[in-house]
Amino acid sequence: MANVNLLPWREVQRQEKKKEFLIILGVVASVALLLAVAWGHWVQMQIGWQNERNSLLTTEIAVLDEKVKEIKELQLRRQQVLERMEVIKDLQGNRPGVVKVFDDFVRSVPDGIFFVEFNRTAEKIALVGFAESNNRISTLMRQLDASERFKEPNLTKVEADNTLGEQGSRFELQVLVEKVETEEDGDEEEA
């Protein structure tokens, strides 16, 4: 048998395959690196695009929040103006009524009675005054009860007081004020 040394040929072939393997490994690594860079760039573009959308939405939401706040302030102002108009309307409507209450009150007070306090809360009037006699207080209560504007006079306190004479008294009285519909009130309801 002939002796042929194949070791140098195998060594050359092994070197070529190793070189080929390293080239393929370098190409694959380069392609992988290139793909990774491209994918990273694409992801960064997507993140940037989404951040732009988010910032646009945030800006628009802030603008809308300002508009909502402005609308709420306008609604509050509108409500306040309506409430003021209602108060003014009530005051305008009650103006003749107050005059009529005082007019009826003056007509119901007999001679010999003097008042030092007159407080009105809603439909109740609290009076503090002096009378020349208890008969004057009784007359006052009867006349207030007979009036169509005053009802249920209630004497809460009577004390002897010599301010208006020997039979004089200091008294406290409460009376309810009823709303009496006038011709003007009827005309307003029809209109």
C-alpha atoms as a PDB file:
ATOM      1  CA  MET A   1       0.000   0.000   0.000  1.00  0.00           C
ATOM      2  CA  ALA A   2       1.139   3.304  -0.774  1.00  0.00           C
ATOM      3  CA  ASN A   3       1.738   5.794   1.875  1.00  0.00           C
ATOM      4  CA  VAL A   4      -0.054   9.041   1.195  1.00  0.00           C
ATOM      5  CA  ASN A   5      -0.030  11.764   3.750  1.00  0.00           C
ATOM      6  CA  LEU A   6      -3.439  13.455   3.765  1.00  0.00           C
ATOM      7  CA  LEU A   7      -2.761  15.552   6.864  1.00  0.00           C
ATOM      8  CA  PRO A   8      -1.642  18.681   5.039  1.00  0.00           C
ATOM      9  CA  TRP A   9      -4.667  18.471   2.741  1.00  0.00           C
ATOM     10  CA  ARG A  10      -7.022  17.984   5.728  1.00  0.00           C
ATOM     11  CA  GLU A  11      -5.316  20.820   7.527  1.00  0.00           C
ATOM     12  CA  VAL A  12      -5.845  23.097   4.545  1.00  0.00           C
ATOM     13  CA  GLN A  13      -9.456  21.993   4.276  1.00  0.00           C
ATOM     14  CA  ARG A  14      -9.956  22.582   7.997  1.00  0.00           C
ATOM     15  CA  GLN A  15      -8.452  26.061   7.687  1.00  0.00           C
ATOM     16  CA  GLU A  16     -10.748  26.860   4.746  1.00  0.00           C
ATOM     17  CA  LYS A  17     -13.808  25.605   6.615  1.00  0.00           C
ATOM     18  CA  LYS A  18     -12.773  27.584   9.687  1.00  0.00           C
ATOM     19  CA  LYS A  19     -12.287  30.656   7.514  1.00  0.00           C
ATOM     20  CA  GLU A  20     -15.661  30.016   5.837  1.00  0.00           C
ATOM     21  CA  PHE A  21     -17.278  29.522   9.258  1.00  0.00           C
ATOM     22  CA  LEU A  22     -15.807  32.762  10.558  1.00  0.00           C
ATOM     23  CA  ILE A  23     -16.981  34.634   7.453  1.00  0.00           C
ATOM     24  CA  ILE A  24     -20.488  33.208   7.808  1.00  0.00           C
ATOM     25  CA  LEU A  25     -20.387  33.987  11.541  1.00  0.00           C
ATOM     26  CA  GLY A  26     -19.292  37.568  10.773  1.00  0.00           C
ATOM     27  CA  VAL A  27     -21.984  37.988   8.109  1.00  0.00           C
ATOM     28  CA  VAL A  28     -24.668  36.607  10.460  1.00  0.00           C
ATOM     29  CA  ALA A  29     -23.423  38.804  13.308  1.00  0.00           C
ATOM     30  CA  SER A  30     -23.370  41.835  10.982  1.00  0.00           C
ATOM     31  CA  VAL A  31     -26.877  41.095   9.723  1.00  0.00           C
ATOM     32  CA  ALA A  32     -28.093  40.519  13.304  1.00  0.00           C
ATOM     33  CA  LEU A  33     -26.466  43.747  14.445  1.00  0.00           C
ATOM     34  CA  LEU A  34     -27.937  45.593  11.479  1.00  0.00           C
ATOM     35  CA  LEU A  35     -31.399  44.142  12.202  1.00  0.00           C
ATOM     36  CA  ALA A  36     -31.090  45.008  15.899  1.00  0.00           C
ATOM     37  CA  VAL A  37     -30.100  48.588  15.072  1.00  0.00           C
ATOM     38  CA  ALA A  38     -32.939  48.865  12.518  1.00  0.00           C
ATOM     39  CA  TRP A  39     -35.445  47.408  14.993  1.00  0.00           C
ATOM     40  CA  GLY A  40     -34.218  49.751  17.768  1.00  0.00           C
ATOM     41  CA  HIS A  41     -34.521  52.715  15.407  1.00  0.00           C
ATOM     42  CA  TRP A  42     -38.058  51.652  14.409  1.00  0.00           C
ATOM     43  CA  VAL A  43     -39.060  51.243  18.099  1.00  0.00           C
ATOM     44  CA  GLN A  44     -37.623  54.683  18.913  1.00  0.00           C
ATOM     45  CA  MET A  45     -39.607  56.172  15.999  1.00  0.00           C
ATOM     46  CA  GLN A  46     -42.795  54.533  17.300  1.00  0.00           C
ATOM     47  CA  ILE A  47     -42.109  55.792  20.838  1.00  0.00           C
ATOM     48  CA  GLY A  48     -41.464  59.297  19.518  1.00  0.00           C
ATOM     49  CA  TRP A  49     -44.634  59.208  17.437  1.00  0.00           C
ATOM     50  CA  GLN A  50     -46.665  58.017  20.460  1.00  0.00           C
ATOM     51  CA  ASN A  51     -45.090  60.697  22.681  1.00  0.00           C
ATOM     52  CA  GLU A  52     -46.072  63.350  20.134  1.00  0.00           C
ATOM     53  CA  ARG A  53     -49.640  62.023  20.142  1.00  0.00           C
ATOM     54  CA  ASN A  54     -49.667  61.978  23.942  1.00  0.00           C
ATOM     55  CA  SER A  55     -48.373  65.545  24.165  1.00  0.00           C
ATOM     56  CA  LEU A  56     -50.972  66.697  21.618  1.00  0.00           C
ATOM     57  CA  LEU A  57     -53.710  64.991  23.620  1.00  0.00           C
ATOM     58  CA  THR A  58     -52.406  66.495  26.865  1.00  0.00           C
ATOM     59  CA  THR A  59     -52.369  69.964  25.308  1.00  0.00           C
ATOM     60  CA  GLU A  60     -55.885  69.574  23.940  1.00  0.00           C
ATOM     61  CA  ILE A  61     -57.149  68.210  27.282  1.00  0.00           C
ATOM     62  CA  ALA A  62     -55.650  71.233  29.059  1.00  0.00           C
ATOM     63  CA  VAL A  63     -57.405  73.562  26.588  1.00  0.00           C
ATOM     64  CA  LEU A  64     -60.699  71.744  27.126  1.00  0.00           C
ATOM     65  CA  ASP A  65     -60.226  71.830  30.914  1.00  0.00           C
ATOM     66  CA  GLU A  66     -59.804  75.615  30.716  1.00  0.00           C
ATOM     67  CA  LYS A  67     -62.974  75.883  28.636  1.00  0.00           C
ATOM     68  CA  VAL A  68     -64.886  73.684  31.093  1.00  0.00           C
ATOM     69  CA  LYS A  69     -63.625  75.833  33.980  1.00  0.00           C
ATOM     70  CA  GLU A  70     -64.690  78.971  32.126  1.00  0.00           C
ATOM     71  CA  ILE A  71     -68.122  77.472  31.410  1.00  0.00           C
ATOM     72  CA  LYS A  72     -68.568  76.570  35.087  1.00  0.00           C
ATOM     73  CA  GLU A  73     -67.606  80.109  36.105  1.00  0.00           C
ATOM     74  CA  LEU A  74     -70.103  81.511  33.597  1.00  0.00           C
ATOM     75  CA  GLN A  75     -72.807  79.183  34.902  1.00  0.00           C
ATOM     76  CA  LEU A  76     -72.020  80.286  38.463  1.00  0.00           C
ATOM     77  CA  ARG A  77     -72.187  83.949  37.447  1.00  0.00           C
ATOM     78  CA  ARG A  78     -75.437  83.303  35.609  1.00  0.00           C
ATOM     79  CA  GLN A  79     -76.913  81.631  38.687  1.00  0.00           C
ATOM     80  CA  GLN A  80     -75.789  84.528  40.878  1.00  0.00           C
ATOM     81  CA  VAL A  81     -77.315  87.049  38.474  1.00  0.00           C
ATOM     82  CA  LEU A  82     -80.575  85.078  38.396  1.00  0.00           C
ATOM     83  CA  GLU A  83     -80.632  84.966  42.196  1.00  0.00           C
ATOM     84  CA  ARG A  84     -80.011  88.714  42.377  1.00  0.00           C
ATOM     85  CA  MET A  85     -82.753  89.328  39.832  1.00  0.00           C
ATOM     86  CA  GLU A  86     -85.114  87.175  41.897  1.00  0.00           C
ATOM     87  CA  VAL A  87     -84.253  89.114  45.078  1.00  0.00           C
ATOM     88  CA  ILE A  88     -84.772  92.417  43.269  1.00  0.00           C
ATOM     89  CA  LYS A  89     -88.054  91.146  41.836  1.00  0.00           C
ATOM     90  CA  ASP A  90     -89.203  90.084  45.306  1.00  0.00           C
ATOM     91  CA  LEU A  91     -88.170  93.429  46.771  1.00  0.00           C
ATOM     92  CA  GLN A  92     -89.963  95.310  44.001  1.00  0.00           C
ATOM     93  CA  GLY A  93     -93.039  93.157  44.492  1.00  0.00           C
ATOM     94  CA  ASN A  94     -92.995  93.535  48.292  1.00  0.00           C
ATOM     95  CA  ARG A  95     -92.444  97.276  48.296  1.00  0.00           C
ATOM     96  CA  PRO A  96     -96.152  98.185  48.209  1.00  0.00           C
ATOM     97  CA  GLY A  97     -96.858  95.396  50.699  1.00  0.00           C
ATOM     98  CA  VAL A  98     -94.503  96.892  53.305  1.00  0.00           C
ATOM     99  CA  VAL A  99     -96.184 100.255  52.960  1.00  0.00           C
ATOM    100  CA  LYS A 100     -99.609  98.632  53.333  1.00  0.00           C
ATOM    101  CA  VAL A 101     -98.454  96.700  56.426  1.00  0.00           C
ATOM    102  CA  PHE A 102     -97.347  99.937  58.078  1.00  0.00           C
ATOM    103  CA  ASP A 103    -100.524 101.714  56.972  1.00  0.00           C
ATOM    104  CA  ASP A 104    -102.771  98.963  58.398  1.00  0.00           C
ATOM    105  CA  PHE A 105    -100.645  98.856  61.523  1.00  0.00           C
ATOM    106  CA  VAL A 106    -100.983 102.614  62.122  1.00  0.00           C
ATOM    107  CA  ARG A 107    -104.747 102.389  61.602  1.00  0.00           C
ATOM    108  CA  SER A 108    -104.969  99.534  64.153  1.00  0.00           C
ATOM    109  CA  VAL A 109    -103.033 101.272  66.952  1.00  0.00           C
ATOM    110  CA  PRO A 110    -105.312 103.115  69.390  1.00  0.00           C
ATOM    111  CA  ASP A 111    -104.317 106.336  71.170  1.00  0.00           C
ATOM    112  CA  GLY A 112    -102.264 105.914  74.329  1.00  0.00           C
ATOM    113  CA  ILE A 113     -99.915 103.233  72.981  1.00  0.00           C
ATOM    114  CA  PHE A 114     -96.278 103.907  72.096  1.00  0.00           C
ATOM    115  CA  PHE A 115     -93.770 101.461  70.633  1.00  0.00           C
ATOM    116  CA  VAL A 116     -90.042 101.307  71.313  1.00  0.00           C
ATOM    117  CA  GLU A 117     -89.213  98.199  69.242  1.00  0.00           C
ATOM    118  CA  PHE A 118     -90.636  96.828  66.022  1.00  0.00           C
ATOM    119  CA  ASN A 119     -88.961  93.701  64.564  1.00  0.00           C
ATOM    120  CA  ARG A 120     -90.246  91.809  61.558  1.00  0.00           C
ATOM    121  CA  THR A 121     -89.051  88.353  60.571  1.00  0.00           C
ATOM    122  CA  ALA A 122     -90.795  86.726  57.607  1.00  0.00           C
ATOM    123  CA  GLU A 123     -94.486  86.703  58.570  1.00  0.00           C
ATOM    124  CA  LYS A 124     -94.112  87.610  62.265  1.00  0.00           C
ATOM    125  CA  ILE A 125     -93.836  91.025  63.905  1.00  0.00           C
ATOM    126  CA  ALA A 126     -92.500  91.367  67.452  1.00  0.00           C
ATOM    127  CA  LEU A 127     -93.492  94.594  69.248  1.00  0.00           C
ATOM    128  CA  VAL A 128     -92.316  96.143  72.495  1.00  0.00           C
ATOM    129  CA  GLY A 129     -94.132  99.187  73.743  1.00  0.00           C
ATOM    130  CA  PHE A 130     -95.816 101.171  76.512  1.00  0.00           C
ATOM    131  CA  ALA A 131     -99.540 101.638  77.093  1.00  0.00           C
ATOM    132  CA  GLU A 132    -101.446 104.085  79.310  1.00  0.00           C
ATOM    133  CA  SER A 133    -103.577 101.173  80.556  1.00  0.00           C
ATOM    134  CA  ASN A 134    -104.204  97.482  80.037  1.00  0.00           C
ATOM    135  CA  ASN A 135    -107.494  98.380  78.290  1.00  0.00           C
ATOM    136  CA  ARG A 136    -105.441 100.063  75.529  1.00  0.00           C
ATOM    137  CA  ILE A 137    -103.460  96.836  75.045  1.00  0.00           C
ATOM    138  CA  SER A 138    -106.718  94.854  74.792  1.00  0.00           C
ATOM    139  CA  THR A 139    -108.061  97.331  72.238  1.00  0.00           C
ATOM    140  CA  LEU A 140    -104.836  97.049  70.238  1.00  0.00           C
ATOM    141  CA  MET A 141    -105.082  93.244  70.183  1.00  0.00           C
ATOM    142  CA  ARG A 142    -108.763  93.340  69.103  1.00  0.00           C
ATOM    143  CA  GLN A 143    -108.046  95.842  66.329  1.00  0.00           C
ATOM    144  CA  LEU A 144    -105.043  93.846  65.085  1.00  0.00           C
ATOM    145  CA  ASP A 145    -107.141  90.679  65.051  1.00  0.00           C
ATOM    146  CA  ALA A 146    -109.964  92.489  63.191  1.00  0.00           C
ATOM    147  CA  SER A 147    -107.538  93.739  60.538  1.00  0.00           C
ATOM    148  CA  GLU A 148    -107.348  91.663  57.383  1.00  0.00           C
ATOM    149  CA  ARG A 149    -103.540  91.899  57.275  1.00  0.00           C
ATOM    150  CA  PHE A 150    -102.774  90.911  60.920  1.00  0.00           C
ATOM    151  CA  LYS A 151    -103.810  87.671  62.606  1.00  0.00           C
ATOM    152  CA  GLU A 152    -103.279  85.892  65.896  1.00  0.00           C
ATOM    153  CA  PRO A 153    -101.932  88.652  68.158  1.00  0.00           C
ATOM    154  CA  ASN A 154    -100.114  87.026  71.073  1.00  0.00           C
ATOM    155  CA  LEU A 155     -99.305  89.022  74.208  1.00  0.00           C
ATOM    156  CA  THR A 156     -96.115  87.497  75.615  1.00  0.00           C
ATOM    157  CA  LYS A 157     -95.321  89.867  78.474  1.00  0.00           C
ATOM    158  CA  VAL A 158     -97.027  92.667  80.441  1.00  0.00           C
ATOM    159  CA  GLU A 159     -95.369  94.574  83.281  1.00  0.00           C
ATOM    160  CA  ALA A 160     -96.530  97.530  85.292  1.00  0.00           C
ATOM    161  CA  ASP A 161     -94.577 100.611  84.274  1.00  0.00           C
ATOM    162  CA  ASN A 162     -95.188 104.216  85.350  1.00  0.00           C
ATOM    163  CA  THR A 163     -93.680 105.703  82.183  1.00  0.00           C
ATOM    164  CA  LEU A 164     -97.134 106.741  80.851  1.00  0.00           C
ATOM    165  CA  GLY A 165     -98.948 107.136  84.120  1.00  0.00           C
ATOM    166  CA  GLU A 166    -100.042 105.223  87.197  1.00  0.00           C
ATOM    167  CA  GLN A 167    -101.924 102.551  85.226  1.00  0.00           C
ATOM    168  CA  GLY A 168     -99.198 102.323  82.580  1.00  0.00           C
ATOM    169  CA  SER A 169     -97.742  99.056  81.338  1.00  0.00           C
ATOM    170  CA  ARG A 170     -94.832  97.844  79.330  1.00  0.00           C
ATOM    171  CA  PHE A 171     -95.783  94.999  76.994  1.00  0.00           C
ATOM    172  CA  GLU A 172     -94.385  92.618  74.415  1.00  0.00           C
ATOM    173  CA  LEU A 173     -96.647  91.427  71.628  1.00  0.00           C
ATOM    174  CA  GLN A 174     -96.260  89.169  68.593  1.00  0.00           C
ATOM    175  CA  VAL A 175     -98.587  89.180  65.601  1.00  0.00           C
ATOM    176  CA  LEU A 176     -98.634  87.285  62.310  1.00  0.00           C
ATOM    177  CA  VAL A 177     -98.747  89.182  59.018  1.00  0.00           C
ATOM    178  CA  GLU A 178    -100.836  87.575  56.298  1.00  0.00           C
ATOM    179  CA  LYS A 179    -100.244  88.316  52.658  1.00  0.00           C
ATOM    180  CA  VAL A 180    -103.378  89.899  51.295  1.00  0.00           C
ATOM    181  CA  GLU A 181    -103.711  89.698  47.528  1.00  0.00           C
ATOM    182  CA  THR A 182    -104.200  93.119  46.045  1.00  0.00           C
ATOM    183  CA  GLU A 183    -105.524  94.104  42.649  1.00  0.00           C
ATOM    184  CA  GLU A 184    -101.937  94.568  41.420  1.00  0.00           C
ATOM    185  CA  ASP A 185    -101.065  90.971  42.478  1.00  0.00           C
ATOM    186  CA  GLY A 186    -104.038  89.624  40.540  1.00  0.00           C
ATOM    187  CA  ASP A 187    -103.026  91.625  37.434  1.00  0.00           C
ATOM    188  CA  GLU A 188     -99.457  90.227  37.589  1.00  0.00           C
ATOM    189  CA  GLU A 189    -100.703  86.617  37.800  1.00  0.00           C
ATOM    190  CA  GLU A 190    -102.950  87.069  34.751  1.00  0.00           C
ATOM    191  CA  ALA A 191    -100.135  88.639  32.684  1.00  0.00           C
END
